[in-house]
PDB file of N, CA and C in Angstrom:
ATOM      1  N   MET A   1     -10.402   0.356  11.494  1.00  0.00           N
ATOM      2  CA  MET A   1      -9.831  -0.149  10.229  1.00  0.00           C
ATOM      3  C   MET A   1      -9.524   0.181   8.962  1.00  0.00           C
ATOM      4  N   LYS A   2     -10.693   1.360   8.464  1.00  0.00           N
ATOM      5  CA  LYS A   2     -10.484   2.291   7.556  1.00  0.00           C
ATOM      6  C   LYS A   2      -9.653   2.789   7.915  1.00  0.00           C
ATOM      7  N   LYS A   3      -9.444   3.274   8.823  1.00  0.00           N
ATOM      8  CA  LYS A   3      -8.005   4.927   9.090  1.00  0.00           C
ATOM      9  C   LYS A   3      -6.837   3.853   8.465  1.00  0.00           C
ATOM     10  N   PHE A   4      -6.356   2.576   9.263  1.00  0.00           N
ATOM     11  CA  PHE A   4      -5.354   2.251   8.916  1.00  0.00           C
ATOM     12  C   PHE A   4      -5.215   1.875   7.051  1.00  0.00           C
ATOM     13  N   GLU A   5      -6.676   1.268   6.109  1.00  0.00           N
ATOM     14  CA  GLU A   5      -6.424   1.428   5.302  1.00  0.00           C
ATOM     15  C   GLU A   5      -6.185   2.454   3.764  1.00  0.00           C
ATOM     16  N   LYS A   6      -6.675   3.366   4.937  1.00  0.00           N
ATOM     17  CA  LYS A   6      -6.863   4.472   3.507  1.00  0.00           C
ATOM     18  C   LYS A   6      -4.834   5.204   4.420  1.00  0.00           C
ATOM     19  N   LEU A   7      -4.588   5.251   5.422  1.00  0.00           N
ATOM     20  CA  LEU A   7      -2.901   5.601   5.650  1.00  0.00           C
ATOM     21  C   LEU A   7      -2.065   4.218   4.669  1.00  0.00           C
ATOM     22  N   PHE A   8      -2.544   3.268   5.046  1.00  0.00           N
ATOM     23  CA  PHE A   8      -1.808   2.335   3.419  1.00  0.00           C
ATOM     24  C   PHE A   8      -1.676   2.624   2.538  1.00  0.00           C
ATOM     25  N   PHE A   9      -2.792   3.003   1.799  1.00  0.00           N
ATOM     26  CA  PHE A   9      -3.065   3.697   0.758  1.00  0.00           C
ATOM     27  C   PHE A   9      -2.618   4.867  -0.115  1.00  0.00           C
ATOM     28  N   ILE A  10      -2.494   6.094   0.961  1.00  0.00           N
ATOM     29  CA  ILE A  10      -1.421   7.129   0.954  1.00  0.00           C
ATOM     30  C   ILE A  10       0.042   6.749   0.940  1.00  0.00           C
ATOM     31  N   ILE A  11       0.552   6.165   2.140  1.00  0.00           N
ATOM     32  CA  ILE A  11       2.012   5.743   1.840  1.00  0.00           C
ATOM     33  C   ILE A  11       2.113   4.932   1.107  1.00  0.00           C
ATOM     34  N   GLY A  12       1.962   3.643   0.397  1.00  0.00           N
ATOM     35  CA  GLY A  12       2.037   3.048  -0.999  1.00  0.00           C
ATOM     36  C   GLY A  12       2.363   4.351  -2.105  1.00  0.00           C
ATOM     37  N   PHE A  13       0.889   4.849  -1.858  1.00  0.00           N
ATOM     38  CA  PHE A  13       0.915   5.339  -3.096  1.00  0.00           C
ATOM     39  C   PHE A  13       2.241   7.031  -3.178  1.00  0.00           C
ATOM     40  N   CYS A  14       2.702   7.117  -1.938  1.00  0.00           N
ATOM     41  CA  CYS A  14       3.614   8.551  -1.739  1.00  0.00           C
ATOM     42  C   CYS A  14       5.071   7.495  -2.642  1.00  0.00           C
ATOM     43  N   PHE A  15       5.348   6.222  -1.933  1.00  0.00           N
ATOM     44  CA  PHE A  15       6.606   5.271  -2.539  1.00  0.00           C
ATOM     45  C   PHE A  15       6.585   5.179  -3.782  1.00  0.00           C
ATOM     46  N   MET A  16       5.519   4.941  -4.772  1.00  0.00           N
ATOM     47  CA  MET A  16       4.913   4.923  -6.095  1.00  0.00           C
ATOM     48  C   MET A  16       5.506   5.853  -6.564  1.00  0.00           C
ATOM     49  N   LEU A  17       4.796   7.648  -6.282  1.00  0.00           N
ATOM     50  CA  LEU A  17       5.807   8.576  -6.790  1.00  0.00           C
ATOM     51  C   LEU A  17       7.297   8.653  -6.642  1.00  0.00           C
ATOM     52  N   LEU A  18       7.615   7.998  -5.421  1.00  0.00           N
ATOM     53  CA  LEU A  18       9.000   8.135  -5.650  1.00  0.00           C
ATOM     54  C   LEU A  18       9.769   7.350  -6.498  1.00  0.00           C
ATOM     55  N   TYR A  19       9.050   6.444  -6.817  1.00  0.00           N
ATOM     56  CA  TYR A  19       9.840   5.129  -7.566  1.00  0.00           C
ATOM     57  C   TYR A  19      10.036   6.262  -8.853  1.00  0.00           C
ATOM     58  N   GLY A  20       8.882   7.137  -9.181  1.00  0.00           N
ATOM     59  CA  GLY A  20       8.811   7.808 -10.923  1.00  0.00           C
ATOM     60  C   GLY A  20      10.130   8.687 -10.311  1.00  0.00           C
ATOM     61  N   VAL A  21      10.424   9.237  -9.467  1.00  0.00           N
ATOM     62  CA  VAL A  21      11.573  10.332  -8.874  1.00  0.00           C
ATOM     63  C   VAL A  21      13.046   9.007  -9.819  1.00  0.00           C
ATOM     64  N   TYR A  22      13.539   7.593  -9.149  1.00  0.00           N
ATOM     65  CA  TYR A  22      14.286   6.628  -9.881  1.00  0.00           C
ATOM     66  C   TYR A  22      14.111   6.409 -11.155  1.00  0.00           C
ATOM     67  N   ILE A  23      12.861   6.425 -11.655  1.00  0.00           N
ATOM     68  CA  ILE A  23      12.099   6.021 -13.377  1.00  0.00           C
ATOM     69  C   ILE A  23      12.636   6.858 -14.340  1.00  0.00           C
ATOM     70  N   GLY A  24      12.818   8.205 -13.546  1.00  0.00           N
ATOM     71  CA  GLY A  24      12.926   9.752 -14.257  1.00  0.00           C
ATOM     72  C   GLY A  24      14.527  10.065 -14.171  1.00  0.00           C
ATOM     73  N   GLY A  25      15.203   9.335 -13.762  1.00  0.00           N
ATOM     74  CA  GLY A  25      16.585   9.392 -13.281  1.00  0.00           C
ATOM     75  C   GLY A  25      17.208  10.702 -12.917  1.00  0.00           C
ATOM     76  N   TYR A  26      16.211  11.091 -11.827  1.00  0.00           N
ATOM     77  CA  TYR A  26      16.963  11.953 -11.218  1.00  0.00           C
ATOM     78  C   TYR A  26      17.830  11.764 -10.108  1.00  0.00           C
ATOM     79  N   SER A  27      17.736  10.808  -9.303  1.00  0.00           N
ATOM     80  CA  SER A  27      18.520  10.352  -8.360  1.00  0.00           C
ATOM     81  C   SER A  27      18.394   8.735  -8.606  1.00  0.00           C
ATOM     82  N   SER A  28      19.623   7.981  -7.713  1.00  0.00           N
ATOM     83  CA  SER A  28      19.615   6.682  -7.673  1.00  0.00           C
ATOM     84  C   SER A  28      20.005   6.366  -6.354  1.00  0.00           C
ATOM     85  N   ALA A  29      19.669   6.846  -5.390  1.00  0.00           N
ATOM     86  CA  ALA A  29      19.516   6.301  -4.096  1.00  0.00           C
ATOM     87  C   ALA A  29      18.954   5.047  -3.708  1.00  0.00           C
ATOM     88  N   PHE A  30      19.211   4.805  -2.548  1.00  0.00           N
ATOM     89  CA  PHE A  30      18.823   3.015  -2.167  1.00  0.00           C
ATOM     90  C   PHE A  30      16.836   3.216  -1.752  1.00  0.00           C
ATOM     91  N   VAL A  31      17.026   3.880  -1.294  1.00  0.00           N
ATOM     92  CA  VAL A  31      15.264   4.801  -0.931  1.00  0.00           C
ATOM     93  C   VAL A  31      14.171   4.685  -2.465  1.00  0.00           C
ATOM     94  N   PHE A  32      14.652   5.245  -3.605  1.00  0.00           N
ATOM     95  CA  PHE A  32      14.400   5.625  -4.573  1.00  0.00           C
ATOM     96  C   PHE A  32      14.392   4.065  -6.026  1.00  0.00           C
ATOM     97  N   LYS A  33      14.908   3.245  -5.425  1.00  0.00           N
ATOM     98  CA  LYS A  33      15.422   1.943  -6.074  1.00  0.00           C
ATOM     99  C   LYS A  33      14.852   0.950  -5.383  1.00  0.00           C
ATOM    100  N   TYR A  34      14.081   0.778  -4.450  1.00  0.00           N
ATOM    101  CA  TYR A  34      13.554  -0.007  -3.729  1.00  0.00           C
ATOM    102  C   TYR A  34      11.775   0.752  -3.316  1.00  0.00           C
ATOM    103  N   ALA A  35      11.374   1.622  -3.657  1.00  0.00           N
ATOM    104  CA  ALA A  35      10.338   2.543  -3.454  1.00  0.00           C
ATOM    105  C   ALA A  35       9.294   1.803  -4.171  1.00  0.00           C
ATOM    106  N   LEU A  36       9.083   1.156  -5.742  1.00  0.00           N
ATOM    107  CA  LEU A  36       8.465   0.156  -5.790  1.00  0.00           C
ATOM    108  C   LEU A  36       7.831  -0.910  -4.822  1.00  0.00           C
ATOM    109  N   VAL A  37       9.295  -2.008  -4.421  1.00  0.00           N
ATOM    110  CA  VAL A  37       8.834  -2.843  -3.242  1.00  0.00           C
ATOM    111  C   VAL A  37       8.106  -2.377  -2.417  1.00  0.00           C
ATOM    112  N   ILE A  38       8.554  -1.518  -1.808  1.00  0.00           N
ATOM    113  CA  ILE A  38       8.027  -0.821  -0.082  1.00  0.00           C
ATOM    114  C   ILE A  38       6.316   0.189  -0.473  1.00  0.00           C
ATOM    115  N   GLY A  39       6.455   0.489  -1.520  1.00  0.00           N
ATOM    116  CA  GLY A  39       4.922   0.585  -1.973  1.00  0.00           C
ATOM    117  C   GLY A  39       4.373  -0.569  -2.490  1.00  0.00           C
ATOM    118  N   MET A  40       4.712  -1.312  -2.585  1.00  0.00           N
ATOM    119  CA  MET A  40       3.684  -3.163  -3.354  1.00  0.00           C
ATOM    120  C   MET A  40       3.475  -3.456  -1.468  1.00  0.00           C
ATOM    121  N   VAL A  41       4.682  -3.584  -0.862  1.00  0.00           N
ATOM    122  CA  VAL A  41       4.190  -3.892   0.323  1.00  0.00           C
ATOM    123  C   VAL A  41       3.234  -3.094   0.981  1.00  0.00           C
ATOM    124  N   PHE A  42       3.027  -1.847   1.161  1.00  0.00           N
ATOM    125  CA  PHE A  42       1.825  -1.040   1.494  1.00  0.00           C
ATOM    126  C   PHE A  42       0.630  -1.622   1.050  1.00  0.00           C
ATOM    127  N   PHE A  43       0.466  -1.469  -0.682  1.00  0.00           N
ATOM    128  CA  PHE A  43      -0.675  -1.882  -1.404  1.00  0.00           C
ATOM    129  C   PHE A  43      -1.244  -3.225  -0.576  1.00  0.00           C
ATOM    130  N   THR A  44      -0.144  -4.308  -0.699  1.00  0.00           N
ATOM    131  CA  THR A  44      -0.754  -5.589  -0.480  1.00  0.00           C
ATOM    132  C   THR A  44      -1.219  -5.698   1.199  1.00  0.00           C
ATOM    133  N   LEU A  45      -0.458  -4.409   2.248  1.00  0.00           N
ATOM    134  CA  LEU A  45      -1.352  -4.889   3.521  1.00  0.00           C
ATOM    135  C   LEU A  45      -2.499  -3.808   3.681  1.00  0.00           C
ATOM    136  N   GLU A  46      -2.520  -3.065   2.509  1.00  0.00           N
ATOM    137  CA  GLU A  46      -4.400  -2.345   2.317  1.00  0.00           C
ATOM    138  C   GLU A  46      -5.405  -3.465   2.144  1.00  0.00           C
ATOM    139  N   LEU A  47      -4.391  -4.228   1.132  1.00  0.00           N
ATOM    140  CA  LEU A  47      -5.141  -5.491   0.434  1.00  0.00           C
ATOM    141  C   LEU A  47      -6.169  -6.743   1.482  1.00  0.00           C
ATOM    142  N   ILE A  48      -4.886  -7.076   2.515  1.00  0.00           N
ATOM    143  CA  ILE A  48      -5.435  -7.731   3.548  1.00  0.00           C
ATOM    144  C   ILE A  48      -6.659  -7.084   4.372  1.00  0.00           C
ATOM    145  N   ILE A  49      -6.232  -6.290   4.764  1.00  0.00           N
ATOM    146  CA  ILE A  49      -7.083  -5.070   5.253  1.00  0.00           C
ATOM    147  C   ILE A  49      -8.733  -5.291   5.279  1.00  0.00           C
ATOM    148  N   ILE A  50      -8.440  -5.061   3.396  1.00  0.00           N
ATOM    149  CA  ILE A  50      -9.520  -4.875   3.305  1.00  0.00           C
ATOM    150  C   ILE A  50     -10.693  -6.304   3.155  1.00  0.00           C
ATOM    151  N   LEU A  51      -9.896  -7.779   2.834  1.00  0.00           N
ATOM    152  CA  LEU A  51     -10.154  -8.955   3.299  1.00  0.00           C
ATOM    153  C   LEU A  51     -10.728  -9.328   4.156  1.00  0.00           C
ATOM    154  N   PHE A  52      -9.753  -8.953   5.268  1.00  0.00           N
ATOM    155  CA  PHE A  52     -10.485  -9.468   6.400  1.00  0.00           C
ATOM    156  C   PHE A  52     -11.572  -8.408   7.081  1.00  0.00           C
ATOM    157  N   THR A  53     -11.622  -7.312   6.432  1.00  0.00           N
ATOM    158  CA  THR A  53     -12.611  -6.473   7.285  1.00  0.00           C
ATOM    159  C   THR A  53     -13.901  -7.095   6.281  1.00  0.00           C
ATOM    160  N   TYR A  54     -13.714  -7.423   4.711  1.00  0.00           N
ATOM    161  CA  TYR A  54     -14.808  -8.051   3.982  1.00  0.00           C
ATOM    162  C   TYR A  54     -15.543  -9.480   4.730  1.00  0.00           C
ATOM    163  N   TRP A  55     -14.367 -10.450   4.906  1.00  0.00           N
ATOM    164  CA  TRP A  55     -14.596 -11.445   5.963  1.00  0.00           C
ATOM    165  C   TRP A  55     -15.683 -11.268   7.046  1.00  0.00           C
ATOM    166  N   LEU A  56     -15.065 -10.445   7.916  1.00  0.00           N
ATOM    167  CA  LEU A  56     -15.802 -10.525   9.098  1.00  0.00           C
ATOM    168  C   LEU A  56     -17.213  -9.475   9.124  1.00  0.00           C
ATOM    169  N   ASP A  57     -17.337  -8.816   8.070  1.00  0.00           N
ATOM    170  CA  ASP A  57     -18.712  -8.572   7.378  1.00  0.00           C
ATOM    171  C   ASP A  57     -19.451  -9.841   7.390  1.00  0.00           C
ATOM    172  N   TYR A  58     -19.224 -10.394   5.964  1.00  0.00           N
ATOM    173  CA  TYR A  58     -20.026 -11.453   5.656  1.00  0.00           C
ATOM    174  C   TYR A  58     -19.808 -12.584   6.742  1.00  0.00           C
ATOM    175  N   LYS A  59     -18.756 -12.573   7.492  1.00  0.00           N
ATOM    176  CA  LYS A  59     -19.639 -13.811   9.219  1.00  0.00           C
ATOM    177  C   LYS A  59     -20.198 -13.265   9.704  1.00  0.00           C
ATOM    178  N   LYS A  60     -20.551 -11.944  10.287  1.00  0.00           N
ATOM    179  CA  LYS A  60     -21.592 -11.273  10.993  1.00  0.00           C
ATOM    180  C   LYS A  60     -23.260 -11.890  10.109  1.00  0.00           C
ATOM    181  N   SER A  61     -23.261 -11.581   8.316  1.00  0.00           N
ATOM    182  CA  SER A  61     -24.472 -11.605   7.738  1.00  0.00           C
ATOM    183  C   SER A  61     -24.688 -13.331   7.574  1.00  0.00           C
ATOM    184  N   VAL A  62     -23.812 -13.880   8.345  1.00  0.00           N
ATOM    185  CA  VAL A  62     -24.477 -15.614   7.653  1.00  0.00           C
ATOM    186  C   VAL A  62     -24.758 -15.861   9.127  1.00  0.00           C
ATOM    187  N   LYS A  63     -24.679 -15.399  10.395  1.00  0.00           N
ATOM    188  CA  LYS A  63     -25.502 -15.705  11.587  1.00  0.00           C
ATOM    189  C   LYS A  63     -26.663 -14.912  11.655  1.00  0.00           C
TER     190      LYS A  63
END
């Protein structure tokens, strides 16, 4: 799970950098326009994984 969490963070961060290219006016391609949305999707997936692993650890500690 930690590998996926790290992978989603890196991919999301890269898409945020690509959005910076769009904001800077260097390109207006389709990928750059929606890079913010794509990056936020990966950050949301990372957050879901963090919450899921926290829930599993909490469930183990209660027993």
